[in-house]
């Protein structure tokens, strides 16, 4: 009877030790999986952060290009306006030169006319 009890006790203790070992193994496995998940989550966060940064750089460079294009358009418009003004002034001077060509007495006024055109 004592042998049977001792055998049962040894068997129960062995089984409980085996189950505890398996339990600790499962707990370690769960912890390692949690660590791997945490590492993956951190990696995904880094990748998404890099993507957001790249998108911001792309957006900023796109905005910069738009701003440069607007500045160039404004400069072009102002140059075009200046060209129109200079063309008008040249046409006025040609008109006064034609007047002097038709009537040589008007040459005395040519300098004043040209000065007035250039002052406008």
N, C-alpha and C. Protein backbone atom coordinates (compact mmCIF):
# COMPACT_ATOMS: atom_id res chain seq x y z
N UNK A 1 0.82 -1.18 0.00
CA UNK A 1 0.00 0.00 0.00
C UNK A 1 0.87 1.26 0.00
N UNK A 2 1.89 1.27 0.82
CA UNK A 2 2.78 2.41 0.83
C UNK A 2 3.49 2.56 -0.52
N UNK A 3 3.81 1.42 -1.10
CA UNK A 3 4.44 1.51 -2.41
C UNK A 3 3.50 2.13 -3.44
N UNK A 4 2.26 1.78 -3.37
CA UNK A 4 1.27 2.32 -4.30
C UNK A 4 1.11 3.82 -4.06
N UNK A 5 1.02 4.20 -2.79
CA UNK A 5 0.90 5.63 -2.46
C UNK A 5 2.14 6.41 -2.91
N UNK A 6 3.29 5.82 -2.69
CA UNK A 6 4.53 6.49 -3.10
C UNK A 6 4.57 6.60 -4.64
N UNK A 7 4.16 5.57 -5.30
CA UNK A 7 4.13 5.58 -6.76
C UNK A 7 3.15 6.64 -7.26
N UNK A 8 1.99 6.69 -6.66
CA UNK A 8 0.99 7.70 -7.06
C UNK A 8 1.53 9.11 -6.78
N UNK A 9 2.13 9.27 -5.63
CA UNK A 9 2.68 10.57 -5.26
C UNK A 9 3.79 10.99 -6.21
N UNK A 10 4.65 10.07 -6.55
CA UNK A 10 5.74 10.37 -7.50
C UNK A 10 5.17 10.69 -8.88
N UNK A 11 4.18 9.92 -9.29
CA UNK A 11 3.56 10.15 -10.60
C UNK A 11 2.88 11.52 -10.64
N UNK A 12 2.14 11.85 -9.59
CA UNK A 12 1.45 13.15 -9.53
C UNK A 12 2.46 14.29 -9.51
N UNK A 13 3.51 14.14 -8.72
CA UNK A 13 4.51 15.20 -8.65
C UNK A 13 5.24 15.35 -9.98
N UNK A 14 5.54 14.20 -10.63
CA UNK A 14 6.20 14.24 -11.93
C UNK A 14 5.31 14.93 -12.96
N UNK A 15 4.04 14.57 -12.95
CA UNK A 15 3.09 15.19 -13.89
C UNK A 15 2.94 16.68 -13.62
N UNK A 16 2.89 17.02 -12.34
CA UNK A 16 2.74 18.44 -12.03
C UNK A 16 4.00 19.21 -12.42
N UNK A 17 5.18 18.58 -12.26
CA UNK A 17 6.42 19.23 -12.68
C UNK A 17 6.43 19.38 -14.20
N UNK A 18 6.00 18.37 -14.88
CA UNK A 18 5.97 18.43 -16.34
C UNK A 18 5.03 19.54 -16.80
N UNK A 19 3.86 19.60 -16.17
CA UNK A 19 2.90 20.64 -16.52
C UNK A 19 3.45 22.03 -16.19
N UNK A 20 4.14 22.14 -15.06
CA UNK A 20 4.72 23.44 -14.72
C UNK A 20 5.79 23.84 -15.72
N UNK A 21 6.61 22.89 -16.12
CA UNK A 21 7.65 23.17 -17.11
C UNK A 21 7.01 23.60 -18.42
N UNK A 22 5.98 22.87 -18.81
CA UNK A 22 5.27 23.22 -20.04
C UNK A 22 4.61 24.60 -19.90
N UNK A 23 4.08 24.88 -18.72
CA UNK A 23 3.46 26.18 -18.47
C UNK A 23 4.49 27.29 -18.57
N UNK A 24 5.66 27.07 -17.94
CA UNK A 24 6.71 28.09 -18.03
C UNK A 24 7.20 28.24 -19.46
N UNK A 25 7.27 27.15 -20.18
CA UNK A 25 7.67 27.20 -21.58
C UNK A 25 6.66 28.02 -22.38
N UNK A 26 5.37 27.76 -22.15
CA UNK A 26 4.33 28.52 -22.84
C UNK A 26 4.39 30.00 -22.46
N UNK A 27 4.64 30.27 -21.18
CA UNK A 27 4.73 31.66 -20.74
C UNK A 27 5.91 32.35 -21.41
N UNK A 28 7.06 31.66 -21.51
CA UNK A 28 8.22 32.22 -22.20
C UNK A 28 7.91 32.44 -23.68
N UNK A 29 7.21 31.49 -24.27
CA UNK A 29 6.83 31.61 -25.67
C UNK A 29 5.94 32.83 -25.88
N UNK A 30 4.98 33.00 -24.99
CA UNK A 30 4.07 34.16 -25.09
C UNK A 30 4.86 35.46 -24.94
N UNK A 31 5.79 35.50 -23.99
CA UNK A 31 6.61 36.71 -23.80
C UNK A 31 7.46 37.00 -25.02
N UNK A 32 8.06 35.96 -25.61
CA UNK A 32 8.89 36.19 -26.80
C UNK A 32 8.03 36.65 -27.97
N UNK A 33 6.82 36.08 -28.10
CA UNK A 33 5.92 36.54 -29.16
C UNK A 33 5.49 37.98 -28.94
N UNK A 34 5.24 38.35 -27.68
CA UNK A 34 4.89 39.73 -27.37
C UNK A 34 6.05 40.67 -27.72
N UNK A 35 7.27 40.24 -27.43
CA UNK A 35 8.44 41.05 -27.78
C UNK A 35 8.57 41.22 -29.29
N UNK A 36 8.37 40.13 -30.02
CA UNK A 36 8.43 40.19 -31.47
C UNK A 36 7.35 41.11 -32.02
N UNK A 37 6.15 41.03 -31.44
CA UNK A 37 5.06 41.91 -31.87
C UNK A 37 5.42 43.37 -31.59
N UNK A 38 6.02 43.61 -30.43
CA UNK A 38 6.43 44.97 -30.07
C UNK A 38 7.48 45.49 -31.05
N UNK A 39 8.44 44.61 -31.40
CA UNK A 39 9.48 44.99 -32.35
C UNK A 39 8.87 45.29 -33.72
N UNK A 40 7.94 44.43 -34.16
CA UNK A 40 7.26 44.66 -35.43
C UNK A 40 6.48 45.96 -35.42
N UNK A 41 5.79 46.21 -34.32
CA UNK A 41 5.01 47.44 -34.19
C UNK A 41 5.93 48.66 -34.25
N UNK A 42 7.08 48.59 -33.57
CA UNK A 42 8.05 49.69 -33.62
C UNK A 42 8.59 49.88 -35.03
N UNK A 43 8.86 48.77 -35.71
CA UNK A 43 9.36 48.86 -37.09
C UNK A 43 8.32 49.49 -38.01
N UNK A 44 7.08 49.08 -37.85
CA UNK A 44 5.99 49.66 -38.66
C UNK A 44 5.85 51.14 -38.36
N UNK A 45 5.96 51.50 -37.09
CA UNK A 45 5.87 52.91 -36.71
C UNK A 45 7.00 53.70 -37.35
N UNK A 46 8.22 53.13 -37.35
CA UNK A 46 9.35 53.81 -37.98
C UNK A 46 9.13 53.97 -39.48
N UNK A 47 8.65 52.91 -40.13
CA UNK A 47 8.41 52.98 -41.57
C UNK A 47 7.34 54.01 -41.88
N UNK A 48 6.26 53.99 -41.11
CA UNK A 48 5.19 54.97 -41.33
C UNK A 48 5.69 56.38 -41.06
N UNK A 49 6.54 56.54 -40.05
CA UNK A 49 7.12 57.85 -39.76
C UNK A 49 7.99 58.32 -40.92
N UNK A 50 8.79 57.41 -41.48
CA UNK A 50 9.62 57.76 -42.64
C UNK A 50 8.76 58.12 -43.83
N UNK A 51 7.68 57.36 -44.03
CA UNK A 51 6.77 57.67 -45.15
C UNK A 51 6.14 59.05 -44.95
N UNK A 52 5.73 59.35 -43.73
CA UNK A 52 5.13 60.66 -43.45
C UNK A 52 6.15 61.75 -43.67
N UNK A 53 7.40 61.52 -43.26
CA UNK A 53 8.44 62.51 -43.45
C UNK A 53 8.72 62.72 -44.93
N UNK A 54 8.81 61.61 -45.69
CA UNK A 54 9.02 61.73 -47.12
C UNK A 54 7.87 62.46 -47.79
N UNK A 55 6.65 62.17 -47.35
CA UNK A 55 5.49 62.84 -47.92
C UNK A 55 5.54 64.33 -47.60
N UNK A 56 5.96 64.68 -46.38
CA UNK A 56 6.07 66.08 -45.99
C UNK A 56 7.14 66.77 -46.83
N UNK A 57 8.29 66.10 -47.03
CA UNK A 57 9.35 66.67 -47.86
C UNK A 57 8.85 66.86 -49.28
N UNK A 58 8.13 65.86 -49.81
CA UNK A 58 7.57 65.97 -51.16
C UNK A 58 6.59 67.11 -51.23
N UNK A 59 5.70 67.21 -50.22
CA UNK A 59 4.71 68.27 -50.20
C UNK A 59 5.40 69.63 -50.09
N UNK A 60 6.40 69.74 -49.21
CA UNK A 60 7.12 71.00 -49.05
C UNK A 60 7.83 71.39 -50.34
N UNK A 61 8.46 70.41 -51.02
CA UNK A 61 9.15 70.73 -52.26
C UNK A 61 8.15 71.11 -53.34
N UNK A 62 6.99 70.48 -53.33
CA UNK A 62 5.95 70.82 -54.30
C UNK A 62 5.46 72.24 -54.05
N UNK A 63 5.26 72.60 -52.77
CA UNK A 63 4.84 73.95 -52.43
C UNK A 63 5.92 74.95 -52.81
N UNK A 64 7.16 74.60 -52.59
CA UNK A 64 8.28 75.46 -52.93
C UNK A 64 8.32 75.71 -54.44
N UNK A 65 8.11 74.66 -55.21
CA UNK A 65 8.08 74.80 -56.67
C UNK A 65 6.93 75.70 -57.09
N UNK A 66 5.76 75.53 -56.47
CA UNK A 66 4.62 76.38 -56.80
C UNK A 66 4.92 77.84 -56.48
N UNK A 67 5.55 78.08 -55.32
CA UNK A 67 5.90 79.44 -54.94
C UNK A 67 6.90 80.05 -55.93
N UNK A 68 7.89 79.27 -56.33
CA UNK A 68 8.88 79.76 -57.30
C UNK A 68 8.20 80.07 -58.63
N UNK A 69 7.27 79.21 -59.04
CA UNK A 69 6.56 79.45 -60.30
C UNK A 69 5.73 80.73 -60.21
N UNK A 70 5.09 80.96 -59.06
CA UNK A 70 4.32 82.20 -58.89
C UNK A 70 5.22 83.42 -58.94
N UNK A 71 6.38 83.33 -58.29
CA UNK A 71 7.33 84.46 -58.31
C UNK A 71 7.79 84.73 -59.74
N UNK A 72 8.13 83.65 -60.47
CA UNK A 72 8.56 83.82 -61.86
C UNK A 72 7.45 84.40 -62.73
N UNK A 73 6.22 83.97 -62.50
CA UNK A 73 5.09 84.51 -63.26
C UNK A 73 4.91 86.00 -62.98
N UNK A 74 5.04 86.39 -61.71
CA UNK A 74 4.93 87.80 -61.36
C UNK A 74 6.04 88.61 -62.03
N UNK A 75 7.26 88.07 -62.02
CA UNK A 75 8.38 88.77 -62.67
C UNK A 75 8.15 88.87 -64.17
N UNK A 76 7.65 87.78 -64.77
CA UNK A 76 7.37 87.79 -66.20
C UNK A 76 6.31 88.84 -66.52
N UNK A 77 5.24 88.87 -65.70
CA UNK A 77 4.18 89.85 -65.93
C UNK A 77 4.71 91.27 -65.80
N UNK A 78 5.56 91.50 -64.80
CA UNK A 78 6.10 92.85 -64.62
C UNK A 78 7.04 93.21 -65.78
N UNK A 79 7.83 92.22 -66.25
CA UNK A 79 8.70 92.48 -67.41
C UNK A 79 7.88 92.74 -68.67
N UNK A 80 6.81 91.99 -68.80
CA UNK A 80 5.94 92.19 -69.96
C UNK A 80 5.32 93.59 -69.91
N UNK A 81 4.95 94.02 -68.71
CA UNK A 81 4.40 95.36 -68.53
C UNK A 81 5.45 96.42 -68.87
N UNK A 82 6.68 96.20 -68.40
CA UNK A 82 7.76 97.13 -68.72
C UNK A 82 8.03 97.17 -70.22
N UNK A 83 7.98 96.02 -70.88
CA UNK A 83 8.17 95.98 -72.32
C UNK A 83 7.07 96.76 -73.04
N UNK A 84 5.85 96.62 -72.55
CA UNK A 84 4.74 97.37 -73.14
C UNK A 84 4.96 98.87 -72.98
N UNK A 85 5.40 99.27 -71.80
CA UNK A 85 5.66 100.69 -71.54
C UNK A 85 6.79 101.19 -72.44
N UNK A 86 7.88 100.41 -72.52
CA UNK A 86 9.01 100.82 -73.36
C UNK A 86 8.63 100.86 -74.84
N UNK A 87 7.79 99.92 -75.26
CA UNK A 87 7.31 99.95 -76.65
C UNK A 87 6.49 101.21 -76.90
N UNK A 88 5.64 101.56 -75.96
CA UNK A 88 4.85 102.79 -76.07
C UNK A 88 5.77 104.02 -76.17
N UNK A 89 6.79 104.06 -75.31
CA UNK A 89 7.71 105.21 -75.32
C UNK A 89 8.46 105.30 -76.64
N UNK A 90 8.92 104.15 -77.15
CA UNK A 90 9.61 104.16 -78.45
C UNK A 90 8.68 104.62 -79.57
N UNK A 91 7.44 104.18 -79.53
CA UNK A 91 6.47 104.62 -80.55
C UNK A 91 6.25 106.12 -80.48
N UNK A 92 6.17 106.68 -79.26
CA UNK A 92 6.00 108.13 -79.11
C UNK A 92 7.22 108.88 -79.66
N UNK A 93 8.43 108.38 -79.35
CA UNK A 93 9.64 109.04 -79.85
C UNK A 93 9.69 108.96 -81.37
N UNK A 94 9.32 107.80 -81.97
CA UNK A 94 9.26 107.68 -83.43
C UNK A 94 8.28 108.69 -84.02
N UNK A 95 7.15 108.86 -83.33
CA UNK A 95 6.14 109.83 -83.79
C UNK A 95 6.73 111.24 -83.83
N UNK A 96 7.46 111.62 -82.77
CA UNK A 96 8.06 112.96 -82.72
C UNK A 96 9.18 113.11 -83.76
N UNK A 97 9.93 112.03 -83.99
CA UNK A 97 10.98 112.07 -85.02
C UNK A 97 10.34 112.24 -86.40
N UNK A 98 9.20 111.58 -86.64
CA UNK A 98 8.49 111.74 -87.92
C UNK A 98 8.00 113.17 -88.09
N UNK A 99 7.52 113.78 -86.99
CA UNK A 99 7.08 115.18 -87.06
C UNK A 99 8.26 116.06 -87.48
N UNK A 100 9.43 115.82 -86.87
CA UNK A 100 10.62 116.62 -87.21
C UNK A 100 11.09 116.35 -88.63
N UNK A 101 10.90 115.11 -89.12
CA UNK A 101 11.30 114.79 -90.48
C UNK A 101 10.42 115.53 -91.49
N UNK A 102 9.15 115.70 -91.15
CA UNK A 102 8.23 116.39 -92.05
C UNK A 102 8.42 117.90 -92.01
N UNK A 103 8.75 118.39 -90.81
CA UNK A 103 8.90 119.85 -90.64
C UNK A 103 10.17 120.10 -89.82
N UNK A 104 11.20 120.56 -90.48
CA UNK A 104 12.50 120.72 -89.83
C UNK A 104 12.48 121.80 -88.75
N UNK A 105 11.50 122.70 -88.75
CA UNK A 105 11.41 123.75 -87.73
C UNK A 105 11.06 123.15 -86.35
N UNK A 106 10.47 121.94 -86.34
CA UNK A 106 10.06 121.30 -85.08
C UNK A 106 11.23 120.65 -84.33
N UNK A 107 12.42 120.59 -84.95
CA UNK A 107 13.58 119.96 -84.32
C UNK A 107 13.95 120.65 -83.01
N UNK A 108 13.64 121.93 -82.87
CA UNK A 108 13.96 122.64 -81.63
C UNK A 108 13.17 122.07 -80.44
N UNK A 109 12.00 121.45 -80.71
CA UNK A 109 11.16 120.91 -79.64
C UNK A 109 11.44 119.41 -79.35
N UNK A 110 12.21 118.76 -80.24
CA UNK A 110 12.41 117.31 -80.15
C UNK A 110 13.01 116.90 -78.80
N UNK A 111 14.02 117.62 -78.33
CA UNK A 111 14.66 117.26 -77.06
C UNK A 111 13.63 117.31 -75.92
N UNK A 112 12.80 118.31 -75.86
CA UNK A 112 11.78 118.42 -74.80
C UNK A 112 10.75 117.32 -74.90
N UNK A 113 10.34 116.99 -76.11
CA UNK A 113 9.36 115.91 -76.28
C UNK A 113 9.92 114.56 -75.79
N UNK A 114 11.17 114.32 -76.19
CA UNK A 114 11.80 113.05 -75.77
C UNK A 114 11.95 113.02 -74.25
N UNK A 115 12.38 114.15 -73.66
CA UNK A 115 12.53 114.20 -72.20
C UNK A 115 11.19 113.94 -71.51
N UNK A 116 10.10 114.50 -72.02
CA UNK A 116 8.78 114.29 -71.45
C UNK A 116 8.33 112.83 -71.56
N UNK A 117 8.63 112.20 -72.70
CA UNK A 117 8.28 110.79 -72.89
C UNK A 117 9.02 109.92 -71.87
N UNK A 118 10.30 110.20 -71.67
CA UNK A 118 11.11 109.38 -70.76
C UNK A 118 10.75 109.61 -69.29
N UNK A 119 10.15 110.76 -68.96
CA UNK A 119 9.78 111.04 -67.58
C UNK A 119 8.48 110.34 -67.17
N UNK A 120 7.65 109.97 -68.11
CA UNK A 120 6.37 109.33 -67.79
C UNK A 120 6.54 107.96 -67.26
